[in-house]
Each structure stands twice: as structure tokens, then as C-alpha cells.
Amino acid sequence: AGNKLSDIHEGLIGETDMAFSDEYDLEAIDCL
């Protein structure tokens, strides 16, 4: 949690700035 996705999946560098989350909202999505 808090680390960028590309810090762990290094092939994603330049693809996204998203970070891992320790929270989730199942009501806000259509597919899990």
C-alpha cells in the first residue's frame, strides 16, 4: 500500500502513476 504499481511490476514504468491501495470500495466498481 502506497507504493506505485511500477515499483513492484517494473514493466509498467511509463504506463501509469497509480499506487497500490490498502482500501477498496466494492460499490464503486462493476467487476472485481
PDB file of all heavy atoms in Angstrom:
ATOM      1  N   ALA A   1       0.830  -1.211   0.000  1.00  0.00           N
ATOM      2  CA  ALA A   1       0.000   0.000   0.000  1.00  0.00           C
ATOM      3  C   ALA A   1       0.860   1.254   0.000  1.00  0.00           C
ATOM      4  O   ALA A   1       1.799   1.388   0.790  1.00  0.00           O
ATOM      5  CB  ALA A   1      -0.934  -0.008   1.199  1.00  0.00           C
ATOM      6  N   GLY A   2       0.544   2.175  -0.914  1.00  0.00           N
ATOM      7  CA  GLY A   2       1.282   3.427  -1.039  1.00  0.00           C
ATOM      8  C   GLY A   2       2.383   3.381  -2.072  1.00  0.00           C
ATOM      9  O   GLY A   2       2.800   4.423  -2.586  1.00  0.00           O
ATOM     10  N   ASN A   3       2.876   2.204  -2.400  1.00  0.00           N
ATOM     11  CA  ASN A   3       3.896   2.074  -3.439  1.00  0.00           C
ATOM     12  C   ASN A   3       3.253   2.185  -4.826  1.00  0.00           C
ATOM     13  O   ASN A   3       2.123   1.755  -5.031  1.00  0.00           O
ATOM     14  CB  ASN A   3       4.607   0.720  -3.340  1.00  0.00           C
ATOM     15  CG  ASN A   3       5.411   0.564  -2.075  1.00  0.00           C
ATOM     16  OD1 ASN A   3       5.947   1.534  -1.550  1.00  0.00           O
ATOM     17  ND2 ASN A   3       5.485  -0.658  -1.569  1.00  0.00           N
ATOM     18  N   LYS A   4       3.977   2.739  -5.761  1.00  0.00           N
ATOM     19  CA  LYS A   4       3.492   2.760  -7.128  1.00  0.00           C
ATOM     20  C   LYS A   4       3.417   1.345  -7.695  1.00  0.00           C
ATOM     21  O   LYS A   4       4.239   0.481  -7.345  1.00  0.00           O
ATOM     22  CB  LYS A   4       4.406   3.616  -8.007  1.00  0.00           C
ATOM     23  CG  LYS A   4       4.300   5.119  -7.776  1.00  0.00           C
ATOM     24  CD  LYS A   4       5.146   5.870  -8.792  1.00  0.00           C
ATOM     25  CE  LYS A   4       4.974   7.372  -8.659  1.00  0.00           C
ATOM     26  NZ  LYS A   4       5.775   8.104  -9.679  1.00  0.00           N
ATOM     27  N   LEU A   5       2.453   1.116  -8.573  1.00  0.00           N
ATOM     28  CA  LEU A   5       2.366  -0.176  -9.239  1.00  0.00           C
ATOM     29  C   LEU A   5       3.667  -0.504  -9.956  1.00  0.00           C
ATOM     30  O   LEU A   5       4.120  -1.652  -9.952  1.00  0.00           O
ATOM     31  CB  LEU A   5       1.209  -0.189 -10.245  1.00  0.00           C
ATOM     32  CG  LEU A   5      -0.201   0.090  -9.735  1.00  0.00           C
ATOM     33  CD1 LEU A   5      -1.206  -0.097 -10.881  1.00  0.00           C
ATOM     34  CD2 LEU A   5      -0.574  -0.790  -8.567  1.00  0.00           C
ATOM     35  N   SER A   6       4.285   0.505 -10.549  1.00  0.00           N
ATOM     36  CA  SER A   6       5.508   0.284 -11.318  1.00  0.00           C
ATOM     37  C   SER A   6       6.720   0.018 -10.434  1.00  0.00           C
ATOM     38  O   SER A   6       7.773  -0.386 -10.932  1.00  0.00           O
ATOM     39  CB  SER A   6       5.785   1.476 -12.239  1.00  0.00           C
ATOM     40  OG  SER A   6       5.897   2.671 -11.497  1.00  0.00           O
ATOM     41  N   ASP A   7       6.602   0.245  -9.101  1.00  0.00           N
ATOM     42  CA  ASP A   7       7.689  -0.134  -8.202  1.00  0.00           C
ATOM     43  C   ASP A   7       7.757  -1.645  -8.042  1.00  0.00           C
ATOM     44  O   ASP A   7       8.833  -2.201  -7.794  1.00  0.00           O
ATOM     45  CB  ASP A   7       7.490   0.510  -6.826  1.00  0.00           C
ATOM     46  CG  ASP A   7       7.719   2.011  -6.829  1.00  0.00           C
ATOM     47  OD1 ASP A   7       8.367   2.507  -7.782  1.00  0.00           O
ATOM     48  OD2 ASP A   7       7.248   2.682  -5.894  1.00  0.00           O
ATOM     49  N   ILE A   8       6.624  -2.312  -8.144  1.00  0.00           N
ATOM     50  CA  ILE A   8       6.565  -3.764  -7.993  1.00  0.00           C
ATOM     51  C   ILE A   8       6.534  -4.447  -9.359  1.00  0.00           C
ATOM     52  O   ILE A   8       7.283  -5.390  -9.621  1.00  0.00           O
ATOM     53  CB  ILE A   8       5.324  -4.161  -7.166  1.00  0.00           C
ATOM     54  CG1 ILE A   8       5.343  -3.458  -5.814  1.00  0.00           C
ATOM     55  CG2 ILE A   8       5.252  -5.686  -6.991  1.00  0.00           C
ATOM     56  CD1 ILE A   8       6.567  -3.727  -4.969  1.00  0.00           C
ATOM     57  N   HIS A   9       5.665  -3.976 -10.235  1.00  0.00           N
ATOM     58  CA  HIS A   9       5.590  -4.501 -11.609  1.00  0.00           C
ATOM     59  C   HIS A   9       6.358  -3.521 -12.496  1.00  0.00           C
ATOM     60  O   HIS A   9       5.780  -2.605 -13.087  1.00  0.00           O
ATOM     61  CB  HIS A   9       4.134  -4.627 -12.043  1.00  0.00           C
ATOM     62  CG  HIS A   9       3.303  -5.467 -11.118  1.00  0.00           C
ATOM     63  ND1 HIS A   9       3.568  -6.799 -10.894  1.00  0.00           N
ATOM     64  CD2 HIS A   9       2.219  -5.156 -10.342  1.00  0.00           C
ATOM     65  CE1 HIS A   9       2.682  -7.282 -10.039  1.00  0.00           C
ATOM     66  NE2 HIS A   9       1.861  -6.313  -9.685  1.00  0.00           N
ATOM     67  N   GLU A  10       7.658  -3.698 -12.578  1.00  0.00           N
ATOM     68  CA  GLU A  10       8.530  -2.675 -13.157  1.00  0.00           C
ATOM     69  C   GLU A  10       8.304  -2.466 -14.647  1.00  0.00           C
ATOM     70  O   GLU A  10       8.665  -1.416 -15.188  1.00  0.00           O
ATOM     71  CB  GLU A  10       9.986  -3.014 -12.851  1.00  0.00           C
ATOM     72  CG  GLU A  10      10.277  -2.967 -11.351  1.00  0.00           C
ATOM     73  CD  GLU A  10      11.737  -3.245 -11.022  1.00  0.00           C
ATOM     74  OE1 GLU A  10      12.562  -3.355 -11.960  1.00  0.00           O
ATOM     75  OE2 GLU A  10      12.046  -3.347  -9.828  1.00  0.00           O
ATOM     76  N   GLY A  11       7.701  -3.434 -15.309  1.00  0.00           N
ATOM     77  CA  GLY A  11       7.376  -3.257 -16.715  1.00  0.00           C
ATOM     78  C   GLY A  11       6.311  -2.209 -16.955  1.00  0.00           C
ATOM     79  O   GLY A  11       6.079  -1.804 -18.094  1.00  0.00           O
ATOM     80  N   LEU A  12       5.648  -1.741 -15.891  1.00  0.00           N
ATOM     81  CA  LEU A  12       4.603  -0.718 -16.023  1.00  0.00           C
ATOM     82  C   LEU A  12       5.155   0.700 -15.971  1.00  0.00           C
ATOM     83  O   LEU A  12       4.381   1.658 -16.027  1.00  0.00           O
ATOM     84  CB  LEU A  12       3.556  -0.885 -14.913  1.00  0.00           C
ATOM     85  CG  LEU A  12       2.716  -2.163 -14.960  1.00  0.00           C
ATOM     86  CD1 LEU A  12       1.802  -2.231 -13.739  1.00  0.00           C
ATOM     87  CD2 LEU A  12       1.890  -2.226 -16.235  1.00  0.00           C
ATOM     88  N   ILE A  13       6.461   0.851 -15.865  1.00  0.00           N
ATOM     89  CA  ILE A  13       7.025   2.200 -15.827  1.00  0.00           C
ATOM     90  C   ILE A  13       6.636   2.955 -17.101  1.00  0.00           C
ATOM     91  O   ILE A  13       6.722   2.431 -18.216  1.00  0.00           O
ATOM     92  CB  ILE A  13       8.562   2.163 -15.652  1.00  0.00           C
ATOM     93  CG1 ILE A  13       9.104   3.571 -15.418  1.00  0.00           C
ATOM     94  CG2 ILE A  13       9.247   1.492 -16.821  1.00  0.00           C
ATOM     95  CD1 ILE A  13      10.546   3.597 -14.933  1.00  0.00           C
ATOM     96  N   GLY A  14       6.135   4.156 -16.935  1.00  0.00           N
ATOM     97  CA  GLY A  14       5.666   4.957 -18.054  1.00  0.00           C
ATOM     98  C   GLY A  14       4.235   4.666 -18.458  1.00  0.00           C
ATOM     99  O   GLY A  14       3.669   5.390 -19.282  1.00  0.00           O
ATOM    100  N   GLU A  15       3.630   3.616 -17.886  1.00  0.00           N
ATOM    101  CA  GLU A  15       2.264   3.243 -18.239  1.00  0.00           C
ATOM    102  C   GLU A  15       1.244   3.871 -17.291  1.00  0.00           C
ATOM    103  O   GLU A  15       0.116   4.167 -17.686  1.00  0.00           O
ATOM    104  CB  GLU A  15       2.103   1.715 -18.203  1.00  0.00           C
ATOM    105  CG  GLU A  15       2.958   0.963 -19.193  1.00  0.00           C
ATOM    106  CD  GLU A  15       2.503   1.153 -20.627  1.00  0.00           C
ATOM    107  OE1 GLU A  15       1.286   1.264 -20.852  1.00  0.00           O
ATOM    108  OE2 GLU A  15       3.377   1.201 -21.505  1.00  0.00           O
ATOM    109  N   THR A  16       1.613   4.023 -16.024  1.00  0.00           N
ATOM    110  CA  THR A  16       0.656   4.511 -15.029  1.00  0.00           C
ATOM    111  C   THR A  16       1.390   5.062 -13.822  1.00  0.00           C
ATOM    112  O   THR A  16       2.513   4.630 -13.517  1.00  0.00           O
ATOM    113  CB  THR A  16      -0.289   3.378 -14.574  1.00  0.00           C
ATOM    114  OG1 THR A  16      -1.212   3.882 -13.602  1.00  0.00           O
ATOM    115  CG2 THR A  16       0.487   2.218 -13.958  1.00  0.00           C
ATOM    116  N   ASP A  17       0.754   6.023 -13.137  1.00  0.00           N
ATOM    117  CA  ASP A  17       1.255   6.540 -11.865  1.00  0.00           C
ATOM    118  C   ASP A  17       0.429   6.020 -10.689  1.00  0.00           C
ATOM    119  O   ASP A  17       0.596   6.481  -9.563  1.00  0.00           O
ATOM    120  CB  ASP A  17       1.218   8.078 -11.862  1.00  0.00           C
ATOM    121  CG  ASP A  17       2.241   8.676 -12.814  1.00  0.00           C
ATOM    122  OD1 ASP A  17       3.348   8.104 -12.936  1.00  0.00           O
ATOM    123  OD2 ASP A  17       1.941   9.708 -13.444  1.00  0.00           O
ATOM    124  N   MET A  18      -0.461   5.057 -10.950  1.00  0.00           N
ATOM    125  CA  MET A  18      -1.295   4.508  -9.885  1.00  0.00           C
ATOM    126  C   MET A  18      -0.441   3.880  -8.789  1.00  0.00           C
ATOM    127  O   MET A  18       0.644   3.347  -9.047  1.00  0.00           O
ATOM    128  CB  MET A  18      -2.253   3.439 -10.419  1.00  0.00           C
ATOM    129  CG  MET A  18      -3.467   3.963 -11.138  1.00  0.00           C
ATOM    130  SD  MET A  18      -4.585   2.584 -11.605  1.00  0.00           S
ATOM    131  CE  MET A  18      -5.186   2.082  -9.970  1.00  0.00           C
ATOM    132  N   ALA A  19      -0.973   3.919  -7.572  1.00  0.00           N
ATOM    133  CA  ALA A  19      -0.332   3.273  -6.433  1.00  0.00           C
ATOM    134  C   ALA A  19      -1.243   2.182  -5.885  1.00  0.00           C
ATOM    135  O   ALA A  19      -2.454   2.201  -6.070  1.00  0.00           O
ATOM    136  CB  ALA A  19      -0.031   4.298  -5.341  1.00  0.00           C
ATOM    137  N   PHE A  20      -0.635   1.213  -5.222  1.00  0.00           N
ATOM    138  CA  PHE A  20      -1.410   0.200  -4.521  1.00  0.00           C
ATOM    139  C   PHE A  20      -2.181   0.855  -3.379  1.00  0.00           C
ATOM    140  O   PHE A  20      -1.706   1.804  -2.745  1.00  0.00           O
ATOM    141  CB  PHE A  20      -0.492  -0.874  -3.942  1.00  0.00           C
ATOM    142  CG  PHE A  20       0.151  -1.760  -4.963  1.00  0.00           C
ATOM    143  CD1 PHE A  20       1.464  -1.528  -5.374  1.00  0.00           C
ATOM    144  CD2 PHE A  20      -0.533  -2.823  -5.513  1.00  0.00           C
ATOM    145  CE1 PHE A  20       2.070  -2.351  -6.305  1.00  0.00           C
ATOM    146  CE2 PHE A  20       0.063  -3.655  -6.449  1.00  0.00           C
ATOM    147  CZ  PHE A  20       1.365  -3.416  -6.845  1.00  0.00           C
ATOM    148  N   SER A  21      -3.355   0.304  -3.104  1.00  0.00           N
ATOM    149  CA  SER A  21      -4.205   0.840  -2.047  1.00  0.00           C
ATOM    150  C   SER A  21      -4.417  -0.228  -0.975  1.00  0.00           C
ATOM    151  O   SER A  21      -4.421  -1.424  -1.260  1.00  0.00           O
ATOM    152  CB  SER A  21      -5.560   1.250  -2.632  1.00  0.00           C
ATOM    153  OG  SER A  21      -6.461   1.589  -1.602  1.00  0.00           O
ATOM    154  N   ASP A  22      -4.588   0.205   0.274  1.00  0.00           N
ATOM    155  CA  ASP A  22      -4.975  -0.718   1.339  1.00  0.00           C
ATOM    156  C   ASP A  22      -6.476  -0.636   1.606  1.00  0.00           C
ATOM    157  O   ASP A  22      -6.981  -1.237   2.556  1.00  0.00           O
ATOM    158  CB  ASP A  22      -4.182  -0.461   2.620  1.00  0.00           C
ATOM    159  CG  ASP A  22      -4.379   0.947   3.161  1.00  0.00           C
ATOM    160  OD1 ASP A  22      -5.094   1.755   2.532  1.00  0.00           O
ATOM    161  OD2 ASP A  22      -3.816   1.251   4.230  1.00  0.00           O
ATOM    162  N   GLU A  23      -7.198   0.113   0.754  1.00  0.00           N
ATOM    163  CA  GLU A  23      -8.646   0.241   0.872  1.00  0.00           C
ATOM    164  C   GLU A  23      -9.295  -0.114  -0.465  1.00  0.00           C
ATOM    165  O   GLU A  23      -8.648  -0.101  -1.518  1.00  0.00           O
ATOM    166  CB  GLU A  23      -9.031   1.667   1.270  1.00  0.00           C
ATOM    167  CG  GLU A  23      -8.475   2.103   2.619  1.00  0.00           C
ATOM    168  CD  GLU A  23      -8.851   3.541   2.956  1.00  0.00           C
ATOM    169  OE1 GLU A  23      -9.349   4.250   2.046  1.00  0.00           O
ATOM    170  OE2 GLU A  23      -8.647   3.941   4.108  1.00  0.00           O
ATOM    171  N   TYR A  24     -10.582  -0.433  -0.409  1.00  0.00           N
ATOM    172  CA  TYR A  24     -11.322  -0.721  -1.637  1.00  0.00           C
ATOM    173  C   TYR A  24     -12.792  -0.426  -1.402  1.00  0.00           C
ATOM    174  O   TYR A  24     -13.306  -0.573  -0.289  1.00  0.00           O
ATOM    175  CB  TYR A  24     -11.146  -2.181  -2.070  1.00  0.00           C
ATOM    176  CG  TYR A  24     -11.291  -3.184  -0.961  1.00  0.00           C
ATOM    177  CD1 TYR A  24     -12.543  -3.654  -0.565  1.00  0.00           C
ATOM    178  CD2 TYR A  24     -10.163  -3.659  -0.295  1.00  0.00           C
ATOM    179  CE1 TYR A  24     -12.678  -4.569   0.457  1.00  0.00           C
ATOM    180  CE2 TYR A  24     -10.291  -4.579   0.735  1.00  0.00           C
ATOM    181  CZ  TYR A  24     -11.548  -5.028   1.112  1.00  0.00           C
ATOM    182  OH  TYR A  24     -11.660  -5.943   2.125  1.00  0.00           O
ATOM    183  N   ASP A  25     -13.436   0.035  -2.458  1.00  0.00           N
ATOM    184  CA  ASP A  25     -14.861   0.342  -2.405  1.00  0.00           C
ATOM    185  C   ASP A  25     -15.556  -0.520  -3.447  1.00  0.00           C
ATOM    186  O   ASP A  25     -15.533  -0.223  -4.638  1.00  0.00           O
ATOM    187  CB  ASP A  25     -15.093   1.831  -2.684  1.00  0.00           C
ATOM    188  CG  ASP A  25     -16.567   2.226  -2.610  1.00  0.00           C
ATOM    189  OD1 ASP A  25     -17.410   1.340  -2.336  1.00  0.00           O
ATOM    190  OD2 ASP A  25     -16.868   3.406  -2.851  1.00  0.00           O
ATOM    191  N   LEU A  26     -16.185  -1.598  -3.000  1.00  0.00           N
ATOM    192  CA  LEU A  26     -16.824  -2.530  -3.914  1.00  0.00           C
ATOM    193  C   LEU A  26     -18.068  -1.933  -4.564  1.00  0.00           C
ATOM    194  O   LEU A  26     -18.484  -2.385  -5.640  1.00  0.00           O
ATOM    195  CB  LEU A  26     -17.182  -3.825  -3.191  1.00  0.00           C
ATOM    196  CG  LEU A  26     -16.013  -4.594  -2.542  1.00  0.00           C
ATOM    197  CD1 LEU A  26     -16.514  -5.904  -1.952  1.00  0.00           C
ATOM    198  CD2 LEU A  26     -14.893  -4.845  -3.545  1.00  0.00           C
ATOM    199  N   GLU A  27     -18.644  -0.924  -3.939  1.00  0.00           N
ATOM    200  CA  GLU A  27     -19.829  -0.270  -4.501  1.00  0.00           C
ATOM    201  C   GLU A  27     -19.479   0.599  -5.703  1.00  0.00           C
ATOM    202  O   GLU A  27     -20.344   0.929  -6.511  1.00  0.00           O
ATOM    203  CB  GLU A  27     -20.519   0.591  -3.438  1.00  0.00           C
ATOM    204  CG  GLU A  27     -21.098  -0.178  -2.266  1.00  0.00           C
ATOM    205  CD  GLU A  27     -22.399  -0.892  -2.610  1.00  0.00           C
ATOM    206  OE1 GLU A  27     -22.900  -0.705  -3.743  1.00  0.00           O
ATOM    207  OE2 GLU A  27     -22.909  -1.636  -1.759  1.00  0.00           O
ATOM    208  N   ALA A  28     -18.192   0.963  -5.825  1.00  0.00           N
ATOM    209  CA  ALA A  28     -17.778   1.902  -6.870  1.00  0.00           C
ATOM    210  C   ALA A  28     -17.337   1.213  -8.154  1.00  0.00           C
ATOM    211  O   ALA A  28     -16.955   1.893  -9.109  1.00  0.00           O
ATOM    212  CB  ALA A  28     -16.647   2.784  -6.343  1.00  0.00           C
ATOM    213  N   ILE A  29     -17.378  -0.130  -8.186  1.00  0.00           N
ATOM    214  CA  ILE A  29     -16.892  -0.848  -9.364  1.00  0.00           C
ATOM    215  C   ILE A  29     -17.971  -1.780  -9.907  1.00  0.00           C
ATOM    216  O   ILE A  29     -18.953  -2.093  -9.241  1.00  0.00           O
ATOM    217  CB  ILE A  29     -15.612  -1.654  -9.050  1.00  0.00           C
ATOM    218  CG1 ILE A  29     -15.877  -2.674  -7.937  1.00  0.00           C
ATOM    219  CG2 ILE A  29     -14.473  -0.717  -8.678  1.00  0.00           C
ATOM    220  CD1 ILE A  29     -14.714  -3.628  -7.702  1.00  0.00           C
ATOM    221  N   ASP A  30     -17.758  -2.209 -11.151  1.00  0.00           N
ATOM    222  CA  ASP A  30     -18.666  -3.147 -11.818  1.00  0.00           C
ATOM    223  C   ASP A  30     -18.128  -4.574 -11.802  1.00  0.00           C
ATOM    224  O   ASP A  30     -18.896  -5.533 -11.867  1.00  0.00           O
ATOM    225  CB  ASP A  30     -18.862  -2.732 -13.279  1.00  0.00           C
ATOM    226  CG  ASP A  30     -19.302  -1.289 -13.416  1.00  0.00           C
ATOM    227  OD1 ASP A  30     -20.343  -0.939 -12.839  1.00  0.00           O
ATOM    228  OD2 ASP A  30     -18.588  -0.524 -14.097  1.00  0.00           O
ATOM    229  N   CYS A  31     -16.797  -4.704 -11.749  1.00  0.00           N
ATOM    230  CA  CYS A  31     -16.164  -6.016 -11.869  1.00  0.00           C
ATOM    231  C   CYS A  31     -14.986  -6.106 -10.913  1.00  0.00           C
ATOM    232  O   CYS A  31     -14.138  -5.202 -10.887  1.00  0.00           O
ATOM    233  CB  CYS A  31     -15.698  -6.249 -13.308  1.00  0.00           C
ATOM    234  SG  CYS A  31     -15.023  -7.895 -13.618  1.00  0.00           S
ATOM    235  N   LEU A  32     -14.918  -7.203 -10.160  1.00  0.00           N
ATOM    236  CA  LEU A  32     -13.827  -7.421  -9.210  1.00  0.00           C
ATOM    237  C   LEU A  32     -13.056  -8.671  -9.609  1.00  0.00           C
ATOM    238  O   LEU A  32     -13.648  -9.731  -9.842  1.00  0.00           O
ATOM    239  CB  LEU A  32     -14.378  -7.596  -7.798  1.00  0.00           C
ATOM    240  CG  LEU A  32     -13.327  -7.827  -6.696  1.00  0.00           C
ATOM    241  CD1 LEU A  32     -12.485  -6.571  -6.494  1.00  0.00           C
ATOM    242  CD2 LEU A  32     -13.985  -8.260  -5.397  1.00  0.00           C
TER     243      LEU A  32
END
